[in-house]
Amino acid sequence: MNHTEKTIPVWKKYSLNVSEAAEYYGIGEKRLRQIVGENEGADFILEVGSHIRFKRKLFEDYLDTASTV
C-alpha cells in the first residue's frame, strides 16, 4: 500500500506551531514564546493542550500594528 503524505504550505495553514511561525515570520522561537507570555488570552494564540499555536491571519494583524517585535 502506497501512502502519500500531503503537506499543506505554511501560508495556507490556519495555525502555526512555534517553529513554523519562527521560520515563516523570521522571528526567533524564544521571542515568539515571550510574545505569548506578554499577550496571554490574545485572539491570535491557540493553546492545544500544552502546545502553543499562532492563528496565522490574526497574528499577522497583530504584527501589522506592532512597532517593535
PDB file of N, CA and C in Angstrom:
ATOM      1  N   MET A   1       0.845  -1.183   0.000  1.00  0.00           N
ATOM      2  CA  MET A   1       0.000   0.000   0.000  1.00  0.00           C
ATOM      3  C   MET A   1       0.890   1.246   0.000  1.00  0.00           C
ATOM      4  N   ASN A   2       0.638   2.146  -0.899  1.00  0.00           N
ATOM      5  CA  ASN A   2       1.438   3.361  -1.041  1.00  0.00           C
ATOM      6  C   ASN A   2       0.716   4.514  -0.348  1.00  0.00           C
ATOM      7  N   HIS A   3       1.350   5.049   0.684  1.00  0.00           N
ATOM      8  CA  HIS A   3       0.764   6.168   1.430  1.00  0.00           C
ATOM      9  C   HIS A   3       1.517   7.442   1.071  1.00  0.00           C
ATOM     10  N   THR A   4       0.817   8.398   0.495  1.00  0.00           N
ATOM     11  CA  THR A   4       1.435   9.660   0.118  1.00  0.00           C
ATOM     12  C   THR A   4       1.128  10.698   1.178  1.00  0.00           C
ATOM     13  N   GLU A   5       2.169  11.341   1.688  1.00  0.00           N
ATOM     14  CA  GLU A   5       1.985  12.378   2.708  1.00  0.00           C
ATOM     15  C   GLU A   5       1.645  13.690   2.030  1.00  0.00           C
ATOM     16  N   LYS A   6       0.529  14.285   2.435  1.00  0.00           N
ATOM     17  CA  LYS A   6       0.137  15.586   1.892  1.00  0.00           C
ATOM     18  C   LYS A   6       0.665  16.663   2.824  1.00  0.00           C
ATOM     19  N   THR A   7       1.333  17.624   2.251  1.00  0.00           N
ATOM     20  CA  THR A   7       1.867  18.724   3.029  1.00  0.00           C
ATOM     21  C   THR A   7       1.156  20.005   2.627  1.00  0.00           C
ATOM     22  N   ILE A   8       0.620  20.675   3.621  1.00  0.00           N
ATOM     23  CA  ILE A   8      -0.056  21.948   3.378  1.00  0.00           C
ATOM     24  C   ILE A   8       0.984  23.056   3.490  1.00  0.00           C
ATOM     25  N   PRO A   9       1.063  23.945   2.503  1.00  0.00           N
ATOM     26  CA  PRO A   9       2.017  25.044   2.596  1.00  0.00           C
ATOM     27  C   PRO A   9       1.728  25.904   3.832  1.00  0.00           C
ATOM     28  N   VAL A  10       2.760  26.415   4.452  1.00  0.00           N
ATOM     29  CA  VAL A  10       2.618  27.199   5.676  1.00  0.00           C
ATOM     30  C   VAL A  10       1.673  28.377   5.469  1.00  0.00           C
ATOM     31  N   TRP A  11       1.748  29.025   4.335  1.00  0.00           N
ATOM     32  CA  TRP A  11       0.912  30.204   4.097  1.00  0.00           C
ATOM     33  C   TRP A  11      -0.559  29.866   3.930  1.00  0.00           C
ATOM     34  N   LYS A  12      -0.918  28.572   3.847  1.00  0.00           N
ATOM     35  CA  LYS A  12      -2.313  28.163   3.756  1.00  0.00           C
ATOM     36  C   LYS A  12      -2.854  27.621   5.082  1.00  0.00           C
ATOM     37  N   LYS A  13      -1.977  27.378   6.042  1.00  0.00           N
ATOM     38  CA  LYS A  13      -2.398  26.798   7.312  1.00  0.00           C
ATOM     39  C   LYS A  13      -3.165  27.813   8.151  1.00  0.00           C
ATOM     40  N   TYR A  14      -4.129  27.308   8.916  1.00  0.00           N
ATOM     41  CA  TYR A  14      -4.899  28.159   9.823  1.00  0.00           C
ATOM     42  C   TYR A  14      -4.042  28.583  11.002  1.00  0.00           C
ATOM     43  N   SER A  15      -3.263  27.634  11.531  1.00  0.00           N
ATOM     44  CA  SER A  15      -2.418  27.952  12.683  1.00  0.00           C
ATOM     45  C   SER A  15      -1.029  27.346  12.492  1.00  0.00           C
ATOM     46  N   LEU A  16      -0.052  27.984  13.146  1.00  0.00           N
ATOM     47  CA  LEU A  16       1.345  27.561  13.034  1.00  0.00           C
ATOM     48  C   LEU A  16       1.891  27.250  14.420  1.00  0.00           C
ATOM     49  N   ASN A  17       2.710  26.193  14.513  1.00  0.00           N
ATOM     50  CA  ASN A  17       3.379  25.963  15.788  1.00  0.00           C
ATOM     51  C   ASN A  17       4.546  26.942  15.902  1.00  0.00           C
ATOM     52  N   VAL A  18       5.222  26.924  17.028  1.00  0.00           N
ATOM     53  CA  VAL A  18       6.270  27.927  17.278  1.00  0.00           C
ATOM     54  C   VAL A  18       7.385  27.837  16.247  1.00  0.00           C
ATOM     55  N   SER A  19       7.841  26.631  15.924  1.00  0.00           N
ATOM     56  CA  SER A  19       8.946  26.521  14.964  1.00  0.00           C
ATOM     57  C   SER A  19       8.522  26.948  13.559  1.00  0.00           C
ATOM     58  N   GLU A  20       7.292  26.617  13.148  1.00  0.00           N
ATOM     59  CA  GLU A  20       6.796  27.069  11.839  1.00  0.00           C
ATOM     60  C   GLU A  20       6.680  28.586  11.805  1.00  0.00           C
ATOM     61  N   ALA A  21       6.147  29.171  12.880  1.00  0.00           N
ATOM     62  CA  ALA A  21       5.995  30.625  12.943  1.00  0.00           C
ATOM     63  C   ALA A  21       7.351  31.313  12.915  1.00  0.00           C
ATOM     64  N   ALA A  22       8.321  30.755  13.616  1.00  0.00           N
ATOM     65  CA  ALA A  22       9.662  31.345  13.642  1.00  0.00           C
ATOM     66  C   ALA A  22      10.258  31.389  12.237  1.00  0.00           C
ATOM     67  N   GLU A  23      10.118  30.301  11.516  1.00  0.00           N
ATOM     68  CA  GLU A  23      10.663  30.247  10.159  1.00  0.00           C
ATOM     69  C   GLU A  23       9.878  31.152   9.213  1.00  0.00           C
ATOM     70  N   TYR A  24       8.569  31.137   9.320  1.00  0.00           N
ATOM     71  CA  TYR A  24       7.707  31.898   8.410  1.00  0.00           C
ATOM     72  C   TYR A  24       7.859  33.407   8.598  1.00  0.00           C
ATOM     73  N   TYR A  25       7.892  33.856   9.870  1.00  0.00           N
ATOM     74  CA  TYR A  25       7.934  35.293  10.145  1.00  0.00           C
ATOM     75  C   TYR A  25       9.345  35.833  10.354  1.00  0.00           C
ATOM     76  N   GLY A  26      10.328  34.951  10.491  1.00  0.00           N
ATOM     77  CA  GLY A  26      11.693  35.408  10.724  1.00  0.00           C
ATOM     78  C   GLY A  26      11.889  35.960  12.130  1.00  0.00           C
ATOM     79  N   ILE A  27      11.128  35.427  13.080  1.00  0.00           N
ATOM     80  CA  ILE A  27      11.228  35.827  14.486  1.00  0.00           C
ATOM     81  C   ILE A  27      11.691  34.602  15.254  1.00  0.00           C
ATOM     82  N   GLY A  28      12.623  34.773  16.173  1.00  0.00           N
ATOM     83  CA  GLY A  28      13.149  33.645  16.934  1.00  0.00           C
ATOM     84  C   GLY A  28      12.093  32.973  17.802  1.00  0.00           C
ATOM     85  N   GLU A  29      12.278  31.679  18.028  1.00  0.00           N
ATOM     86  CA  GLU A  29      11.337  30.924  18.853  1.00  0.00           C
ATOM     87  C   GLU A  29      11.254  31.498  20.267  1.00  0.00           C
ATOM     88  N   LYS A  30      12.385  31.901  20.818  1.00  0.00           N
ATOM     89  CA  LYS A  30      12.398  32.469  22.171  1.00  0.00           C
ATOM     90  C   LYS A  30      11.546  33.739  22.222  1.00  0.00           C
ATOM     91  N   ARG A  31      11.692  34.596  21.223  1.00  0.00           N
ATOM     92  CA  ARG A  31      10.910  35.846  21.181  1.00  0.00           C
ATOM     93  C   ARG A  31       9.419  35.547  20.997  1.00  0.00           C
ATOM     94  N   LEU A  32       9.088  34.553  20.174  1.00  0.00           N
ATOM     95  CA  LEU A  32       7.684  34.189  19.984  1.00  0.00           C
ATOM     96  C   LEU A  32       7.072  33.716  21.305  1.00  0.00           C
ATOM     97  N   ARG A  33       7.824  32.949  22.073  1.00  0.00           N
ATOM     98  CA  ARG A  33       7.324  32.491  23.372  1.00  0.00           C
ATOM     99  C   ARG A  33       7.154  33.677  24.335  1.00  0.00           C
ATOM    100  N   GLN A  34       8.042  34.670  24.237  1.00  0.00           N
ATOM    101  CA  GLN A  34       7.892  35.882  25.050  1.00  0.00           C
ATOM    102  C   GLN A  34       6.625  36.636  24.649  1.00  0.00           C
ATOM    103  N   ILE A  35       6.366  36.728  23.360  1.00  0.00           N
ATOM    104  CA  ILE A  35       5.166  37.402  22.875  1.00  0.00           C
ATOM    105  C   ILE A  35       3.925  36.716  23.436  1.00  0.00           C
ATOM    106  N   VAL A  36       3.929  35.391  23.469  1.00  0.00           N
ATOM    107  CA  VAL A  36       2.803  34.645  24.043  1.00  0.00           C
ATOM    108  C   VAL A  36       2.643  35.016  25.512  1.00  0.00           C
ATOM    109  N   GLY A  37       3.749  35.056  26.259  1.00  0.00           N
ATOM    110  CA  GLY A  37       3.695  35.402  27.677  1.00  0.00           C
ATOM    111  C   GLY A  37       3.204  36.816  27.918  1.00  0.00           C
ATOM    112  N   GLU A  38       3.549  37.732  27.030  1.00  0.00           N
ATOM    113  CA  GLU A  38       3.149  39.133  27.162  1.00  0.00           C
ATOM    114  C   GLU A  38       1.712  39.374  26.712  1.00  0.00           C
ATOM    115  N   ASN A  39       1.134  38.426  25.995  1.00  0.00           N
ATOM    116  CA  ASN A  39      -0.210  38.616  25.422  1.00  0.00           C
ATOM    117  C   ASN A  39      -1.143  37.466  25.772  1.00  0.00           C
ATOM    118  N   GLU A  40      -1.111  37.036  27.038  1.00  0.00           N
ATOM    119  CA  GLU A  40      -1.969  35.933  27.456  1.00  0.00           C
ATOM    120  C   GLU A  40      -3.422  36.230  27.128  1.00  0.00           C
ATOM    121  N   GLY A  41      -4.104  35.252  26.559  1.00  0.00           N
ATOM    122  CA  GLY A  41      -5.514  35.420  26.210  1.00  0.00           C
ATOM    123  C   GLY A  41      -5.760  36.154  24.911  1.00  0.00           C
ATOM    124  N   ALA A  42      -4.701  36.515  24.191  1.00  0.00           N
ATOM    125  CA  ALA A  42      -4.874  37.233  22.917  1.00  0.00           C
ATOM    126  C   ALA A  42      -5.555  36.328  21.891  1.00  0.00           C
ATOM    127  N   ASP A  43      -6.290  36.943  20.985  1.00  0.00           N
ATOM    128  CA  ASP A  43      -7.028  36.196  19.968  1.00  0.00           C
ATOM    129  C   ASP A  43      -6.122  35.399  19.038  1.00  0.00           C
ATOM    130  N   PHE A  44      -4.883  35.835  18.841  1.00  0.00           N
ATOM    131  CA  PHE A  44      -4.002  35.157  17.898  1.00  0.00           C
ATOM    132  C   PHE A  44      -3.320  33.917  18.477  1.00  0.00           C
ATOM    133  N   ILE A  45      -3.527  33.646  19.768  1.00  0.00           N
ATOM    134  CA  ILE A  45      -2.907  32.496  20.418  1.00  0.00           C
ATOM    135  C   ILE A  45      -3.931  31.374  20.546  1.00  0.00           C
ATOM    136  N   LEU A  46      -3.516  30.182  20.173  1.00  0.00           N
ATOM    137  CA  LEU A  46      -4.344  28.995  20.309  1.00  0.00           C
ATOM    138  C   LEU A  46      -3.551  27.983  21.124  1.00  0.00           C
ATOM    139  N   GLU A  47      -4.097  27.588  22.260  1.00  0.00           N
ATOM    140  CA  GLU A  47      -3.436  26.593  23.098  1.00  0.00           C
ATOM    141  C   GLU A  47      -4.103  25.243  22.873  1.00  0.00           C
ATOM    142  N   VAL A  48      -3.309  24.282  22.432  1.00  0.00           N
ATOM    143  CA  VAL A  48      -3.789  22.923  22.206  1.00  0.00           C
ATOM    144  C   VAL A  48      -3.059  22.049  23.215  1.00  0.00           C
ATOM    145  N   GLY A  49      -3.726  21.780  24.331  1.00  0.00           N
ATOM    146  CA  GLY A  49      -3.048  21.095  25.427  1.00  0.00           C
ATOM    147  C   GLY A  49      -1.951  22.007  25.947  1.00  0.00           C
ATOM    148  N   SER A  50      -0.730  21.501  25.965  1.00  0.00           N
ATOM    149  CA  SER A  50       0.404  22.312  26.412  1.00  0.00           C
ATOM    150  C   SER A  50       1.133  22.956  25.237  1.00  0.00           C
ATOM    151  N   HIS A  51       0.610  22.788  24.038  1.00  0.00           N
ATOM    152  CA  HIS A  51       1.254  23.319  22.833  1.00  0.00           C
ATOM    153  C   HIS A  51       0.676  24.677  22.468  1.00  0.00           C
ATOM    154  N   ILE A  52       1.556  25.559  22.037  1.00  0.00           N
ATOM    155  CA  ILE A  52       1.164  26.899  21.598  1.00  0.00           C
ATOM    156  C   ILE A  52       1.112  26.917  20.078  1.00  0.00           C
ATOM    157  N   ARG A  53       0.061  27.480  19.538  1.00  0.00           N
ATOM    158  CA  ARG A  53      -0.048  27.687  18.100  1.00  0.00           C
ATOM    159  C   ARG A  53      -0.467  29.134  17.864  1.00  0.00           C
ATOM    160  N   PHE A  54      -0.068  29.673  16.733  1.00  0.00           N
ATOM    161  CA  PHE A  54      -0.415  31.039  16.355  1.00  0.00           C
ATOM    162  C   PHE A  54      -1.439  30.979  15.230  1.00  0.00           C
ATOM    163  N   LYS A  55      -2.576  31.639  15.421  1.00  0.00           N
ATOM    164  CA  LYS A  55      -3.552  31.753  14.347  1.00  0.00           C
ATOM    165  C   LYS A  55      -2.938  32.716  13.337  1.00  0.00           C
ATOM    166  N   ARG A  56      -2.574  32.173  12.201  1.00  0.00           N
ATOM    167  CA  ARG A  56      -1.745  32.877  11.227  1.00  0.00           C
ATOM    168  C   ARG A  56      -2.287  34.255  10.855  1.00  0.00           C
ATOM    169  N   LYS A  57      -3.518  34.349  10.414  1.00  0.00           N
ATOM    170  CA  LYS A  57      -4.055  35.637   9.959  1.00  0.00           C
ATOM    171  C   LYS A  57      -4.155  36.648  11.103  1.00  0.00           C
ATOM    172  N   LEU A  58      -4.598  36.191  12.274  1.00  0.00           N
ATOM    173  CA  LEU A  58      -4.718  37.104  13.409  1.00  0.00           C
ATOM    174  C   LEU A  58      -3.354  37.554  13.913  1.00  0.00           C
ATOM    175  N   PHE A  59      -2.366  36.649  13.861  1.00  0.00           N
ATOM    176  CA  PHE A  59      -1.015  37.039  14.275  1.00  0.00           C
ATOM    177  C   PHE A  59      -0.427  38.040  13.286  1.00  0.00           C
ATOM    178  N   GLU A  60      -0.726  37.886  12.016  1.00  0.00           N
ATOM    179  CA  GLU A  60      -0.268  38.851  11.019  1.00  0.00           C
ATOM    180  C   GLU A  60      -0.895  40.225  11.275  1.00  0.00           C
ATOM    181  N   ASP A  61      -2.152  40.239  11.677  1.00  0.00           N
ATOM    182  CA  ASP A  61      -2.806  41.515  12.026  1.00  0.00           C
ATOM    183  C   ASP A  61      -2.093  42.151  13.217  1.00  0.00           C
ATOM    184  N   TYR A  62      -1.736  41.339  14.205  1.00  0.00           N
ATOM    185  CA  TYR A  62      -1.002  41.832  15.368  1.00  0.00           C
ATOM    186  C   TYR A  62       0.345  42.417  14.930  1.00  0.00           C
ATOM    187  N   LEU A  63       1.051  41.700  14.075  1.00  0.00           N
ATOM    188  CA  LEU A  63       2.357  42.188  13.607  1.00  0.00           C
ATOM    189  C   LEU A  63       2.217  43.476  12.795  1.00  0.00           C
ATOM    190  N   ASP A  64       1.129  43.609  12.050  1.00  0.00           N
ATOM    191  CA  ASP A  64       0.909  44.815  11.244  1.00  0.00           C
ATOM    192  C   ASP A  64       0.781  46.055  12.126  1.00  0.00           C
ATOM    193  N   THR A  65       0.252  45.890  13.323  1.00  0.00           N
ATOM    194  CA  THR A  65       0.058  47.045  14.215  1.00  0.00           C
ATOM    195  C   THR A  65       1.226  47.259  15.176  1.00  0.00           C
ATOM    196  N   ALA A  66       2.123  46.287  15.274  1.00  0.00           N
ATOM    197  CA  ALA A  66       3.250  46.387  16.206  1.00  0.00           C
ATOM    198  C   ALA A  66       4.339  47.292  15.624  1.00  0.00           C
ATOM    199  N   SER A  67       4.906  48.134  16.468  1.00  0.00           N
ATOM    200  CA  SER A  67       6.008  48.975  16.005  1.00  0.00           C
ATOM    201  C   SER A  67       7.360  48.299  16.258  1.00  0.00           C
ATOM    202  N   THR A  68       7.414  47.427  17.252  1.00  0.00           N
ATOM    203  CA  THR A  68       8.614  46.632  17.502  1.00  0.00           C
ATOM    204  C   THR A  68       8.177  45.215  17.865  1.00  0.00           C
ATOM    205  N   VAL A  69       9.067  44.255  17.587  1.00  0.00           N
ATOM    206  CA  VAL A  69       8.763  42.866  17.929  1.00  0.00           C
ATOM    207  C   VAL A  69       9.863  42.315  18.789  1.00  0.00           C
TER     208      VAL A  69
END
